[in-house]
Amino acid sequence: MGDGYAQRPMRPPGSYKIASRSRAFDALLGPELRNERRAQRILDSLRSEILEGADGVRIRRIFSSPREVFRLEIEVPAMGYQRTTLLDRDALDELLATDDVRALVHERLRGS
């Protein structure tokens, strides 16, 4: 005790937080379903960031062959935050399928 170092607090076993209880069981699912659920969570997160205050949104096609790949940049200057995500054509189409997201993205793309 008198060695000059503070003792590390002990955590009781099992006291960690689970970020999402539904994701805790994803390991029991097949790989295709796990990938689908993960992609859907990413798209939901992107959608909410665009709708909740992204000031800058940029979409650029970075590959056209063998598969179209797009770079999506979302900027939130109030938080000093920029997010860059690579999406294929299907994922980008699904992200823009919602009318309010598509309108905001088109509006911000015209403004830049």
PDB file of N, CA and C in Angstrom:
ATOM      1  N   MET A   1       0.811  -1.196   0.000  1.00  0.00           N
ATOM      2  CA  MET A   1       0.000   0.000   0.000  1.00  0.00           C
ATOM      3  C   MET A   1       0.849   1.252   0.000  1.00  0.00           C
ATOM      4  N   GLY A   2       1.943   1.250   0.636  1.00  0.00           N
ATOM      5  CA  GLY A   2       2.747   2.440   0.750  1.00  0.00           C
ATOM      6  C   GLY A   2       3.758   2.582  -0.366  1.00  0.00           C
ATOM      7  N   ASP A   3       3.529   1.978  -1.540  1.00  0.00           N
ATOM      8  CA  ASP A   3       4.500   2.048  -2.622  1.00  0.00           C
ATOM      9  C   ASP A   3       4.319   3.271  -3.513  1.00  0.00           C
ATOM     10  N   GLY A   4       3.396   4.186  -3.211  1.00  0.00           N
ATOM     11  CA  GLY A   4       3.214   5.411  -3.959  1.00  0.00           C
ATOM     12  C   GLY A   4       2.231   5.303  -5.117  1.00  0.00           C
ATOM     13  N   TYR A   5       1.713   4.135  -5.377  1.00  0.00           N
ATOM     14  CA  TYR A   5       0.761   3.949  -6.468  1.00  0.00           C
ATOM     15  C   TYR A   5      -0.631   3.731  -5.904  1.00  0.00           C
ATOM     16  N   ALA A   6      -1.614   4.305  -6.572  1.00  0.00           N
ATOM     17  CA  ALA A   6      -2.995   4.079  -6.162  1.00  0.00           C
ATOM     18  C   ALA A   6      -3.394   2.674  -6.572  1.00  0.00           C
ATOM     19  N   GLN A   7      -4.140   2.039  -5.721  1.00  0.00           N
ATOM     20  CA  GLN A   7      -4.599   0.698  -6.058  1.00  0.00           C
ATOM     21  C   GLN A   7      -5.650   0.760  -7.151  1.00  0.00           C
ATOM     22  N   ARG A   8      -5.592  -0.222  -8.024  1.00  0.00           N
ATOM     23  CA  ARG A   8      -6.586  -0.298  -9.084  1.00  0.00           C
ATOM     24  C   ARG A   8      -7.913  -0.745  -8.495  1.00  0.00           C
ATOM     25  N   PRO A   9      -8.985  -0.081  -8.874  1.00  0.00           N
ATOM     26  CA  PRO A   9     -10.294  -0.522  -8.365  1.00  0.00           C
ATOM     27  C   PRO A   9     -10.644  -1.882  -8.956  1.00  0.00           C
ATOM     28  N   MET A  10     -11.215  -2.699  -8.133  1.00  0.00           N
ATOM     29  CA  MET A  10     -11.613  -4.025  -8.610  1.00  0.00           C
ATOM     30  C   MET A  10     -13.021  -3.956  -9.166  1.00  0.00           C
ATOM     31  N   ARG A  11     -13.213  -4.608 -10.260  1.00  0.00           N
ATOM     32  CA  ARG A  11     -14.543  -4.703 -10.854  1.00  0.00           C
ATOM     33  C   ARG A  11     -15.060  -6.113 -10.610  1.00  0.00           C
ATOM     34  N   PRO A  12     -16.252  -6.210 -10.120  1.00  0.00           N
ATOM     35  CA  PRO A  12     -16.822  -7.545  -9.955  1.00  0.00           C
ATOM     36  C   PRO A  12     -17.022  -8.202 -11.319  1.00  0.00           C
ATOM     37  N   PRO A  13     -16.839  -9.511 -11.400  1.00  0.00           N
ATOM     38  CA  PRO A  13     -17.018 -10.206 -12.677  1.00  0.00           C
ATOM     39  C   PRO A  13     -18.420  -9.963 -13.238  1.00  0.00           C
ATOM     40  N   GLY A  14     -18.473  -9.710 -14.542  1.00  0.00           N
ATOM     41  CA  GLY A  14     -19.767  -9.510 -15.194  1.00  0.00           C
ATOM     42  C   GLY A  14     -20.329  -8.119 -15.034  1.00  0.00           C
ATOM     43  N   SER A  15     -19.535  -7.150 -14.589  1.00  0.00           N
ATOM     44  CA  SER A  15     -20.070  -5.806 -14.372  1.00  0.00           C
ATOM     45  C   SER A  15     -19.889  -4.896 -15.579  1.00  0.00           C
ATOM     46  N   TYR A  16     -19.460  -5.442 -16.710  1.00  0.00           N
ATOM     47  CA  TYR A  16     -19.292  -4.623 -17.906  1.00  0.00           C
ATOM     48  C   TYR A  16     -20.646  -4.348 -18.535  1.00  0.00           C
ATOM     49  N   LYS A  17     -20.704  -3.264 -19.290  1.00  0.00           N
ATOM     50  CA  LYS A  17     -21.953  -2.905 -19.950  1.00  0.00           C
ATOM     51  C   LYS A  17     -22.000  -3.539 -21.332  1.00  0.00           C
ATOM     52  N   ILE A  18     -23.157  -3.954 -21.724  1.00  0.00           N
ATOM     53  CA  ILE A  18     -23.359  -4.478 -23.068  1.00  0.00           C
ATOM     54  C   ILE A  18     -23.983  -3.354 -23.881  1.00  0.00           C
ATOM     55  N   ALA A  19     -23.307  -2.943 -24.953  1.00  0.00           N
ATOM     56  CA  ALA A  19     -23.769  -1.817 -25.755  1.00  0.00           C
ATOM     57  C   ALA A  19     -25.152  -2.078 -26.342  1.00  0.00           C
ATOM     58  N   SER A  20     -25.364  -3.240 -26.824  1.00  0.00           N
ATOM     59  CA  SER A  20     -26.648  -3.576 -27.412  1.00  0.00           C
ATOM     60  C   SER A  20     -26.928  -5.046 -27.134  1.00  0.00           C
ATOM     61  N   ARG A  21     -27.907  -5.306 -26.348  1.00  0.00           N
ATOM     62  CA  ARG A  21     -28.192  -6.691 -25.973  1.00  0.00           C
ATOM     63  C   ARG A  21     -28.586  -7.533 -27.182  1.00  0.00           C
ATOM     64  N   SER A  22     -29.237  -6.918 -28.174  1.00  0.00           N
ATOM     65  CA  SER A  22     -29.616  -7.711 -29.342  1.00  0.00           C
ATOM     66  C   SER A  22     -28.378  -8.137 -30.132  1.00  0.00           C
ATOM     67  N   ARG A  23     -27.317  -7.310 -30.116  1.00  0.00           N
ATOM     68  CA  ARG A  23     -26.089  -7.672 -30.816  1.00  0.00           C
ATOM     69  C   ARG A  23     -25.323  -8.763 -30.084  1.00  0.00           C
ATOM     70  N   ALA A  24     -25.578  -8.942 -28.802  1.00  0.00           N
ATOM     71  CA  ALA A  24     -24.876  -9.965 -28.044  1.00  0.00           C
ATOM     72  C   ALA A  24     -25.156 -11.356 -28.596  1.00  0.00           C
ATOM     73  N   PHE A  25     -26.288 -11.523 -29.248  1.00  0.00           N
ATOM     74  CA  PHE A  25     -26.666 -12.827 -29.787  1.00  0.00           C
ATOM     75  C   PHE A  25     -26.352 -12.964 -31.274  1.00  0.00           C
ATOM     76  N   ASP A  26     -25.745 -11.935 -31.878  1.00  0.00           N
ATOM     77  CA  ASP A  26     -25.407 -11.996 -33.302  1.00  0.00           C
ATOM     78  C   ASP A  26     -24.448 -13.131 -33.622  1.00  0.00           C
ATOM     79  N   ALA A  27     -23.602 -13.499 -32.667  1.00  0.00           N
ATOM     80  CA  ALA A  27     -22.640 -14.575 -32.914  1.00  0.00           C
ATOM     81  C   ALA A  27     -23.345 -15.908 -33.175  1.00  0.00           C
ATOM     82  N   LEU A  28     -24.584 -16.019 -32.726  1.00  0.00           N
ATOM     83  CA  LEU A  28     -25.327 -17.257 -32.927  1.00  0.00           C
ATOM     84  C   LEU A  28     -25.952 -17.335 -34.325  1.00  0.00           C
ATOM     85  N   LEU A  29     -25.951 -16.219 -35.034  1.00  0.00           N
ATOM     86  CA  LEU A  29     -26.561 -16.178 -36.365  1.00  0.00           C
ATOM     87  C   LEU A  29     -25.557 -16.591 -37.430  1.00  0.00           C
ATOM     88  N   GLY A  30     -26.065 -16.892 -38.600  1.00  0.00           N
ATOM     89  CA  GLY A  30     -25.190 -17.219 -39.722  1.00  0.00           C
ATOM     90  C   GLY A  30     -24.450 -15.977 -40.206  1.00  0.00           C
ATOM     91  N   PRO A  31     -23.313 -16.154 -40.875  1.00  0.00           N
ATOM     92  CA  PRO A  31     -22.508 -15.013 -41.319  1.00  0.00           C
ATOM     93  C   PRO A  31     -23.252 -14.055 -42.252  1.00  0.00           C
ATOM     94  N   GLU A  32     -24.097 -14.568 -43.134  1.00  0.00           N
ATOM     95  CA  GLU A  32     -24.826 -13.696 -44.053  1.00  0.00           C
ATOM     96  C   GLU A  32     -25.786 -12.787 -43.293  1.00  0.00           C
ATOM     97  N   LEU A  33     -26.495 -13.353 -42.327  1.00  0.00           N
ATOM     98  CA  LEU A  33     -27.444 -12.564 -41.550  1.00  0.00           C
ATOM     99  C   LEU A  33     -26.716 -11.560 -40.654  1.00  0.00           C
ATOM    100  N   ARG A  34     -25.582 -11.971 -40.089  1.00  0.00           N
ATOM    101  CA  ARG A  34     -24.773 -11.041 -39.271  1.00  0.00           C
ATOM    102  C   ARG A  34     -24.318  -9.863 -40.107  1.00  0.00           C
ATOM    103  N   ASN A  35     -23.829 -10.134 -41.325  1.00  0.00           N
ATOM    104  CA  ASN A  35     -23.367  -9.063 -42.202  1.00  0.00           C
ATOM    105  C   ASN A  35     -24.511  -8.129 -42.595  1.00  0.00           C
ATOM    106  N   GLU A  36     -25.668  -8.709 -42.870  1.00  0.00           N
ATOM    107  CA  GLU A  36     -26.841  -7.917 -43.234  1.00  0.00           C
ATOM    108  C   GLU A  36     -27.249  -6.988 -42.091  1.00  0.00           C
ATOM    109  N   ARG A  37     -27.268  -7.515 -40.866  1.00  0.00           N
ATOM    110  CA  ARG A  37     -27.651  -6.699 -39.710  1.00  0.00           C
ATOM    111  C   ARG A  37     -26.627  -5.603 -39.447  1.00  0.00           C
ATOM    112  N   ARG A  38     -25.357  -5.907 -39.627  1.00  0.00           N
ATOM    113  CA  ARG A  38     -24.304  -4.908 -39.430  1.00  0.00           C
ATOM    114  C   ARG A  38     -24.426  -3.800 -40.469  1.00  0.00           C
ATOM    115  N   ALA A  39     -24.645  -4.168 -41.715  1.00  0.00           N
ATOM    116  CA  ALA A  39     -24.807  -3.165 -42.773  1.00  0.00           C
ATOM    117  C   ALA A  39     -26.021  -2.285 -42.498  1.00  0.00           C
ATOM    118  N   GLN A  40     -27.097  -2.886 -42.001  1.00  0.00           N
ATOM    119  CA  GLN A  40     -28.297  -2.108 -41.691  1.00  0.00           C
ATOM    120  C   GLN A  40     -28.039  -1.133 -40.542  1.00  0.00           C
ATOM    121  N   ARG A  41     -27.279  -1.550 -39.530  1.00  0.00           N
ATOM    122  CA  ARG A  41     -26.937  -0.644 -38.427  1.00  0.00           C
ATOM    123  C   ARG A  41     -26.089   0.531 -38.923  1.00  0.00           C
ATOM    124  N   ILE A  42     -25.157   0.261 -39.828  1.00  0.00           N
ATOM    125  CA  ILE A  42     -24.318   1.326 -40.382  1.00  0.00           C
ATOM    126  C   ILE A  42     -25.178   2.317 -41.175  1.00  0.00           C
ATOM    127  N   LEU A  43     -26.077   1.809 -42.010  1.00  0.00           N
ATOM    128  CA  LEU A  43     -26.949   2.688 -42.785  1.00  0.00           C
ATOM    129  C   LEU A  43     -27.867   3.500 -41.885  1.00  0.00           C
ATOM    130  N   ASP A  44     -28.392   2.887 -40.835  1.00  0.00           N
ATOM    131  CA  ASP A  44     -29.240   3.621 -39.886  1.00  0.00           C
ATOM    132  C   ASP A  44     -28.456   4.737 -39.203  1.00  0.00           C
ATOM    133  N   SER A  45     -27.205   4.444 -38.845  1.00  0.00           N
ATOM    134  CA  SER A  45     -26.352   5.444 -38.209  1.00  0.00           C
ATOM    135  C   SER A  45     -26.058   6.598 -39.164  1.00  0.00           C
ATOM    136  N   LEU A  46     -25.733   6.285 -40.414  1.00  0.00           N
ATOM    137  CA  LEU A  46     -25.483   7.333 -41.415  1.00  0.00           C
ATOM    138  C   LEU A  46     -26.727   8.181 -41.631  1.00  0.00           C
ATOM    139  N   ARG A  47     -27.870   7.521 -41.744  1.00  0.00           N
ATOM    140  CA  ARG A  47     -29.141   8.214 -41.958  1.00  0.00           C
ATOM    141  C   ARG A  47     -29.420   9.187 -40.815  1.00  0.00           C
ATOM    142  N   SER A  48     -29.227   8.742 -39.577  1.00  0.00           N
ATOM    143  CA  SER A  48     -29.506   9.622 -38.438  1.00  0.00           C
ATOM    144  C   SER A  48     -28.519  10.781 -38.378  1.00  0.00           C
ATOM    145  N   GLU A  49     -27.253  10.570 -38.711  1.00  0.00           N
ATOM    146  CA  GLU A  49     -26.289  11.665 -38.715  1.00  0.00           C
ATOM    147  C   GLU A  49     -26.625  12.698 -39.781  1.00  0.00           C
ATOM    148  N   ILE A  50     -27.064  12.254 -40.937  1.00  0.00           N
ATOM    149  CA  ILE A  50     -27.432  13.194 -42.004  1.00  0.00           C
ATOM    150  C   ILE A  50     -28.639  14.020 -41.571  1.00  0.00           C
ATOM    151  N   LEU A  51     -29.625  13.382 -40.957  1.00  0.00           N
ATOM    152  CA  LEU A  51     -30.853  14.076 -40.572  1.00  0.00           C
ATOM    153  C   LEU A  51     -30.692  14.946 -39.326  1.00  0.00           C
ATOM    154  N   GLU A  52     -29.746  14.613 -38.465  1.00  0.00           N
ATOM    155  CA  GLU A  52     -29.644  15.303 -37.181  1.00  0.00           C
ATOM    156  C   GLU A  52     -28.602  16.407 -37.137  1.00  0.00           C
ATOM    157  N   GLY A  53     -28.136  16.880 -38.256  1.00  0.00           N
ATOM    158  CA  GLY A  53     -27.284  18.051 -38.171  1.00  0.00           C
ATOM    159  C   GLY A  53     -25.966  18.010 -38.896  1.00  0.00           C
ATOM    160  N   ALA A  54     -25.834  17.191 -39.891  1.00  0.00           N
ATOM    161  CA  ALA A  54     -24.610  17.219 -40.681  1.00  0.00           C
ATOM    162  C   ALA A  54     -24.637  18.465 -41.553  1.00  0.00           C
ATOM    163  N   ASP A  55     -23.585  19.274 -41.467  1.00  0.00           N
ATOM    164  CA  ASP A  55     -23.519  20.490 -42.284  1.00  0.00           C
ATOM    165  C   ASP A  55     -22.992  20.201 -43.679  1.00  0.00           C
ATOM    166  N   GLY A  56     -22.069  19.295 -43.782  1.00  0.00           N
ATOM    167  CA  GLY A  56     -21.490  18.979 -45.078  1.00  0.00           C
ATOM    168  C   GLY A  56     -21.667  17.518 -45.398  1.00  0.00           C
ATOM    169  N   VAL A  57     -22.179  17.249 -46.585  1.00  0.00           N
ATOM    170  CA  VAL A  57     -22.316  15.873 -47.066  1.00  0.00           C
ATOM    171  C   VAL A  57     -21.744  15.839 -48.477  1.00  0.00           C
ATOM    172  N   ARG A  58     -20.787  14.948 -48.697  1.00  0.00           N
ATOM    173  CA  ARG A  58     -20.188  14.792 -50.021  1.00  0.00           C
ATOM    174  C   ARG A  58     -20.236  13.320 -50.419  1.00  0.00           C
ATOM    175  N   ILE A  59     -20.570  13.085 -51.665  1.00  0.00           N
ATOM    176  CA  ILE A  59     -20.568  11.721 -52.196  1.00  0.00           C
ATOM    177  C   ILE A  59     -19.736  11.736 -53.476  1.00  0.00           C
ATOM    178  N   ARG A  60     -18.762  10.846 -53.533  1.00  0.00           N
ATOM    179  CA  ARG A  60     -17.916  10.747 -54.722  1.00  0.00           C
ATOM    180  C   ARG A  60     -17.771   9.287 -55.122  1.00  0.00           C
ATOM    181  N   ARG A  61     -17.828   9.047 -56.406  1.00  0.00           N
ATOM    182  CA  ARG A  61     -17.571   7.691 -56.888  1.00  0.00           C
ATOM    183  C   ARG A  61     -16.061   7.539 -56.999  1.00  0.00           C
ATOM    184  N   ILE A  62     -15.520   6.518 -56.317  1.00  0.00           N
ATOM    185  CA  ILE A  62     -14.071   6.333 -56.331  1.00  0.00           C
ATOM    186  C   ILE A  62     -13.650   5.138 -57.181  1.00  0.00           C
ATOM    187  N   PHE A  63     -14.563   4.196 -57.412  1.00  0.00           N
ATOM    188  CA  PHE A  63     -14.310   3.078 -58.323  1.00  0.00           C
ATOM    189  C   PHE A  63     -15.561   2.847 -59.157  1.00  0.00           C
ATOM    190  N   SER A  64     -15.365   2.512 -60.414  1.00  0.00           N
ATOM    191  CA  SER A  64     -16.520   2.174 -61.233  1.00  0.00           C
ATOM    192  C   SER A  64     -16.460   0.726 -61.702  1.00  0.00           C
ATOM    193  N   SER A  65     -15.260   0.133 -61.608  1.00  0.00           N
ATOM    194  CA  SER A  65     -15.146  -1.247 -62.034  1.00  0.00           C
ATOM    195  C   SER A  65     -14.115  -1.936 -61.158  1.00  0.00           C
ATOM    196  N   PRO A  66     -14.254  -3.139 -60.805  1.00  0.00           N
ATOM    197  CA  PRO A  66     -15.283  -4.103 -61.182  1.00  0.00           C
ATOM    198  C   PRO A  66     -16.602  -3.867 -60.454  1.00  0.00           C
ATOM    199  N   ARG A  67     -16.599  -2.982 -59.463  1.00  0.00           N
ATOM    200  CA  ARG A  67     -17.804  -2.707 -58.698  1.00  0.00           C
ATOM    201  C   ARG A  67     -17.814  -1.235 -58.346  1.00  0.00           C
ATOM    202  N   GLU A  68     -18.977  -0.599 -58.442  1.00  0.00           N
ATOM    203  CA  GLU A  68     -19.061   0.819 -58.080  1.00  0.00           C
ATOM    204  C   GLU A  68     -18.911   0.967 -56.570  1.00  0.00           C
ATOM    205  N   VAL A  69     -17.997   1.838 -56.171  1.00  0.00           N
ATOM    206  CA  VAL A  69     -17.782   2.142 -54.757  1.00  0.00           C
ATOM    207  C   VAL A  69     -17.810   3.656 -54.604  1.00  0.00           C
ATOM    208  N   PHE A  70     -18.545   4.122 -53.588  1.00  0.00           N
ATOM    209  CA  PHE A  70     -18.703   5.540 -53.340  1.00  0.00           C
ATOM    210  C   PHE A  70     -18.118   5.891 -51.976  1.00  0.00           C
ATOM    211  N   ARG A  71     -17.557   7.091 -51.904  1.00  0.00           N
ATOM    212  CA  ARG A  71     -17.029   7.620 -50.640  1.00  0.00           C
ATOM    213  C   ARG A  71     -18.035   8.650 -50.152  1.00  0.00           C
ATOM    214  N   LEU A  72     -18.596   8.413 -48.973  1.00  0.00           N
ATOM    215  CA  LEU A  72     -19.558   9.322 -48.356  1.00  0.00           C
ATOM    216  C   LEU A  72     -18.857  10.026 -47.206  1.00  0.00           C
ATOM    217  N   GLU A  73     -18.828  11.348 -47.256  1.00  0.00           N
ATOM    218  CA  GLU A  73     -18.225  12.140 -46.184  1.00  0.00           C
ATOM    219  C   GLU A  73     -19.315  12.956 -45.515  1.00  0.00           C
ATOM    220  N   ILE A  74     -19.400  12.845 -44.201  1.00  0.00           N
ATOM    221  CA  ILE A  74     -20.363  13.610 -43.412  1.00  0.00           C
ATOM    222  C   ILE A  74     -19.562  14.476 -42.452  1.00  0.00           C
ATOM    223  N   GLU A  75     -19.851  15.774 -42.458  1.00  0.00           N
ATOM    224  CA  GLU A  75     -19.120  16.705 -41.607  1.00  0.00           C
ATOM    225  C   GLU A  75     -20.072  17.351 -40.613  1.00  0.00           C
ATOM    226  N   VAL A  76     -19.674  17.337 -39.334  1.00  0.00           N
ATOM    227  CA  VAL A  76     -20.433  17.985 -38.268  1.00  0.00           C
ATOM    228  C   VAL A  76     -19.463  18.936 -37.561  1.00  0.00           C
ATOM    229  N   PRO A  77     -19.331  20.183 -38.055  1.00  0.00           N
ATOM    230  CA  PRO A  77     -18.341  21.108 -37.500  1.00  0.00           C
ATOM    231  C   PRO A  77     -18.592  21.478 -36.042  1.00  0.00           C
ATOM    232  N   ALA A  78     -19.845  21.463 -35.611  1.00  0.00           N
ATOM    233  CA  ALA A  78     -20.142  21.820 -34.224  1.00  0.00           C
ATOM    234  C   ALA A  78     -19.446  20.871 -33.248  1.00  0.00           C
ATOM    235  N   MET A  79     -19.224  19.644 -33.695  1.00  0.00           N
ATOM    236  CA  MET A  79     -18.557  18.666 -32.843  1.00  0.00           C
ATOM    237  C   MET A  79     -17.124  18.409 -33.296  1.00  0.00           C
ATOM    238  N   GLY A  80     -16.662  19.126 -34.336  1.00  0.00           N
ATOM    239  CA  GLY A  80     -15.327  18.896 -34.866  1.00  0.00           C
ATOM    240  C   GLY A  80     -15.170  17.476 -35.368  1.00  0.00           C
ATOM    241  N   TYR A  81     -16.144  17.029 -36.137  1.00  0.00           N
ATOM    242  CA  TYR A  81     -16.259  15.610 -36.472  1.00  0.00           C
ATOM    243  C   TYR A  81     -16.456  15.439 -37.965  1.00  0.00           C
ATOM    244  N   GLN A  82     -15.741  14.493 -38.544  1.00  0.00           N
ATOM    245  CA  GLN A  82     -15.952  14.120 -39.935  1.00  0.00           C
ATOM    246  C   GLN A  82     -15.940  12.596 -40.030  1.00  0.00           C
ATOM    247  N   ARG A  83     -16.914  12.059 -40.717  1.00  0.00           N
ATOM    248  CA  ARG A  83     -17.036  10.612 -40.876  1.00  0.00           C
ATOM    249  C   ARG A  83     -16.937  10.275 -42.356  1.00  0.00           C
ATOM    250  N   THR A  84     -16.107   9.331 -42.668  1.00  0.00           N
ATOM    251  CA  THR A  84     -15.944   8.868 -44.045  1.00  0.00           C
ATOM    252  C   THR A  84     -16.294   7.390 -44.098  1.00  0.00           C
ATOM    253  N   THR A  85     -17.177   7.044 -45.019  1.00  0.00           N
ATOM    254  CA  THR A  85     -17.640   5.667 -45.145  1.00  0.00           C
ATOM    255  C   THR A  85     -17.638   5.282 -46.620  1.00  0.00           C
ATOM    256  N   LEU A  86     -17.181   4.077 -46.916  1.00  0.00           N
ATOM    257  CA  LEU A  86     -17.233   3.559 -48.284  1.00  0.00           C
ATOM    258  C   LEU A  86     -18.479   2.692 -48.433  1.00  0.00           C
ATOM    259  N   LEU A  87     -19.226   2.956 -49.502  1.00  0.00           N
ATOM    260  CA  LEU A  87     -20.475   2.236 -49.758  1.00  0.00           C
ATOM    261  C   LEU A  87     -20.495   1.733 -51.195  1.00  0.00           C
ATOM    262  N   ASP A  88     -21.124   0.580 -51.399  1.00  0.00           N
ATOM    263  CA  ASP A  88     -21.339   0.140 -52.769  1.00  0.00           C
ATOM    264  C   ASP A  88     -22.639   0.758 -53.280  1.00  0.00           C
ATOM    265  N   ARG A  89     -22.953   0.525 -54.537  1.00  0.00           N
ATOM    266  CA  ARG A  89     -24.125   1.149 -55.156  1.00  0.00           C
ATOM    267  C   ARG A  89     -25.418   0.768 -54.435  1.00  0.00           C
ATOM    268  N   ASP A  90     -25.571  -0.499 -54.058  1.00  0.00           N
ATOM    269  CA  ASP A  90     -26.794  -0.942 -53.387  1.00  0.00           C
ATOM    270  C   ASP A  90     -26.977  -0.241 -52.044  1.00  0.00           C
ATOM    271  N   ALA A  91     -25.903  -0.131 -51.273  1.00  0.00           N
ATOM    272  CA  ALA A  91     -25.994   0.514 -49.968  1.00  0.00           C
ATOM    273  C   ALA A  91     -26.303   2.000 -50.119  1.00  0.00           C
ATOM    274  N   LEU A  92     -25.675   2.659 -51.092  1.00  0.00           N
ATOM    275  CA  LEU A  92     -25.959   4.082 -51.320  1.00  0.00           C
ATOM    276  C   LEU A  92     -27.412   4.279 -51.745  1.00  0.00           C
ATOM    277  N   ASP A  93     -27.902   3.432 -52.622  1.00  0.00           N
ATOM    278  CA  ASP A  93     -29.305   3.528 -53.037  1.00  0.00           C
ATOM    279  C   ASP A  93     -30.252   3.325 -51.862  1.00  0.00           C
ATOM    280  N   GLU A  94     -29.910   2.387 -50.987  1.00  0.00           N
ATOM    281  CA  GLU A  94     -30.757   2.152 -49.812  1.00  0.00           C
ATOM    282  C   GLU A  94     -30.718   3.346 -48.859  1.00  0.00           C
ATOM    283  N   LEU A  95     -29.544   3.964 -48.706  1.00  0.00           N
ATOM    284  CA  LEU A  95     -29.423   5.147 -47.852  1.00  0.00           C
ATOM    285  C   LEU A  95     -30.269   6.294 -48.398  1.00  0.00           C
ATOM    286  N   LEU A  96     -30.263   6.457 -49.709  1.00  0.00           N
ATOM    287  CA  LEU A  96     -30.997   7.561 -50.340  1.00  0.00           C
ATOM    288  C   LEU A  96     -32.448   7.216 -50.644  1.00  0.00           C
ATOM    289  N   ALA A  97     -32.902   6.034 -50.269  1.00  0.00           N
ATOM    290  CA  ALA A  97     -34.284   5.618 -50.545  1.00  0.00           C
ATOM    291  C   ALA A  97     -35.291   6.423 -49.738  1.00  0.00           C
ATOM    292  N   THR A  98     -34.893   6.926 -48.589  1.00  0.00           N
ATOM    293  CA  THR A  98     -35.789   7.724 -47.744  1.00  0.00           C
ATOM    294  C   THR A  98     -35.864   9.141 -48.314  1.00  0.00           C
ATOM    295  N   ASP A  99     -37.075   9.646 -48.501  1.00  0.00           N
ATOM    296  CA  ASP A  99     -37.261  10.953 -49.133  1.00  0.00           C
ATOM    297  C   ASP A  99     -36.555  12.085 -48.398  1.00  0.00           C
ATOM    298  N   ASP A 100     -36.660  12.113 -47.068  1.00  0.00           N
ATOM    299  CA  ASP A 100     -36.058  13.222 -46.327  1.00  0.00           C
ATOM    300  C   ASP A 100     -34.527  13.193 -46.398  1.00  0.00           C
ATOM    301  N   VAL A 101     -33.931  12.014 -46.387  1.00  0.00           N
ATOM    302  CA  VAL A 101     -32.474  11.902 -46.526  1.00  0.00           C
ATOM    303  C   VAL A 101     -32.049  12.336 -47.920  1.00  0.00           C
ATOM    304  N   ARG A 102     -32.757  11.855 -48.933  1.00  0.00           N
ATOM    305  CA  ARG A 102     -32.419  12.210 -50.304  1.00  0.00           C
ATOM    306  C   ARG A 102     -32.525  13.721 -50.516  1.00  0.00           C
ATOM    307  N   ALA A 103     -33.581  14.351 -49.984  1.00  0.00           N
ATOM    308  CA  ALA A 103     -33.757  15.801 -50.141  1.00  0.00           C
ATOM    309  C   ALA A 103     -32.629  16.567 -49.461  1.00  0.00           C
ATOM    310  N   LEU A 104     -32.250  16.164 -48.249  1.00  0.00           N
ATOM    311  CA  LEU A 104     -31.160  16.847 -47.542  1.00  0.00           C
ATOM    312  C   LEU A 104     -29.827  16.678 -48.260  1.00  0.00           C
ATOM    313  N   VAL A 105     -29.553  15.479 -48.739  1.00  0.00           N
ATOM    314  CA  VAL A 105     -28.292  15.241 -49.438  1.00  0.00           C
ATOM    315  C   VAL A 105     -28.233  16.054 -50.719  1.00  0.00           C
ATOM    316  N   HIS A 106     -29.310  16.076 -51.509  1.00  0.00           N
ATOM    317  CA  HIS A 106     -29.332  16.864 -52.747  1.00  0.00           C
ATOM    318  C   HIS A 106     -29.168  18.355 -52.450  1.00  0.00           C
ATOM    319  N   GLU A 107     -29.820  18.813 -51.396  1.00  0.00           N
ATOM    320  CA  GLU A 107     -29.721  20.234 -51.014  1.00  0.00           C
ATOM    321  C   GLU A 107     -28.288  20.583 -50.620  1.00  0.00           C
ATOM    322  N   ARG A 108     -27.651  19.725 -49.845  1.00  0.00           N
ATOM    323  CA  ARG A 108     -26.286  20.004 -49.392  1.00  0.00           C
ATOM    324  C   ARG A 108     -25.264  19.807 -50.500  1.00  0.00           C
ATOM    325  N   LEU A 109     -25.541  18.902 -51.427  1.00  0.00           N
ATOM    326  CA  LEU A 109     -24.635  18.729 -52.557  1.00  0.00           C
ATOM    327  C   LEU A 109     -24.684  19.945 -53.493  1.00  0.00           C
ATOM    328  N   ARG A 110     -25.845  20.523 -53.651  1.00  0.00           N
ATOM    329  CA  ARG A 110     -25.969  21.729 -54.478  1.00  0.00           C
ATOM    330  C   ARG A 110     -25.285  22.921 -53.826  1.00  0.00           C
ATOM    331  N   GLY A 111     -25.305  22.952 -52.483  1.00  0.00           N
ATOM    332  CA  GLY A 111     -24.719  24.074 -51.753  1.00  0.00           C
ATOM    333  C   GLY A 111     -23.205  24.056 -51.742  1.00  0.00           C
ATOM    334  N   SER A 112     -22.569  22.907 -52.003  1.00  0.00           N
ATOM    335  CA  SER A 112     -21.101  22.850 -51.942  1.00  0.00           C
ATOM    336  C   SER A 112     -20.459  23.077 -53.275  1.00  0.00           C
TER     337      SER A 112
END
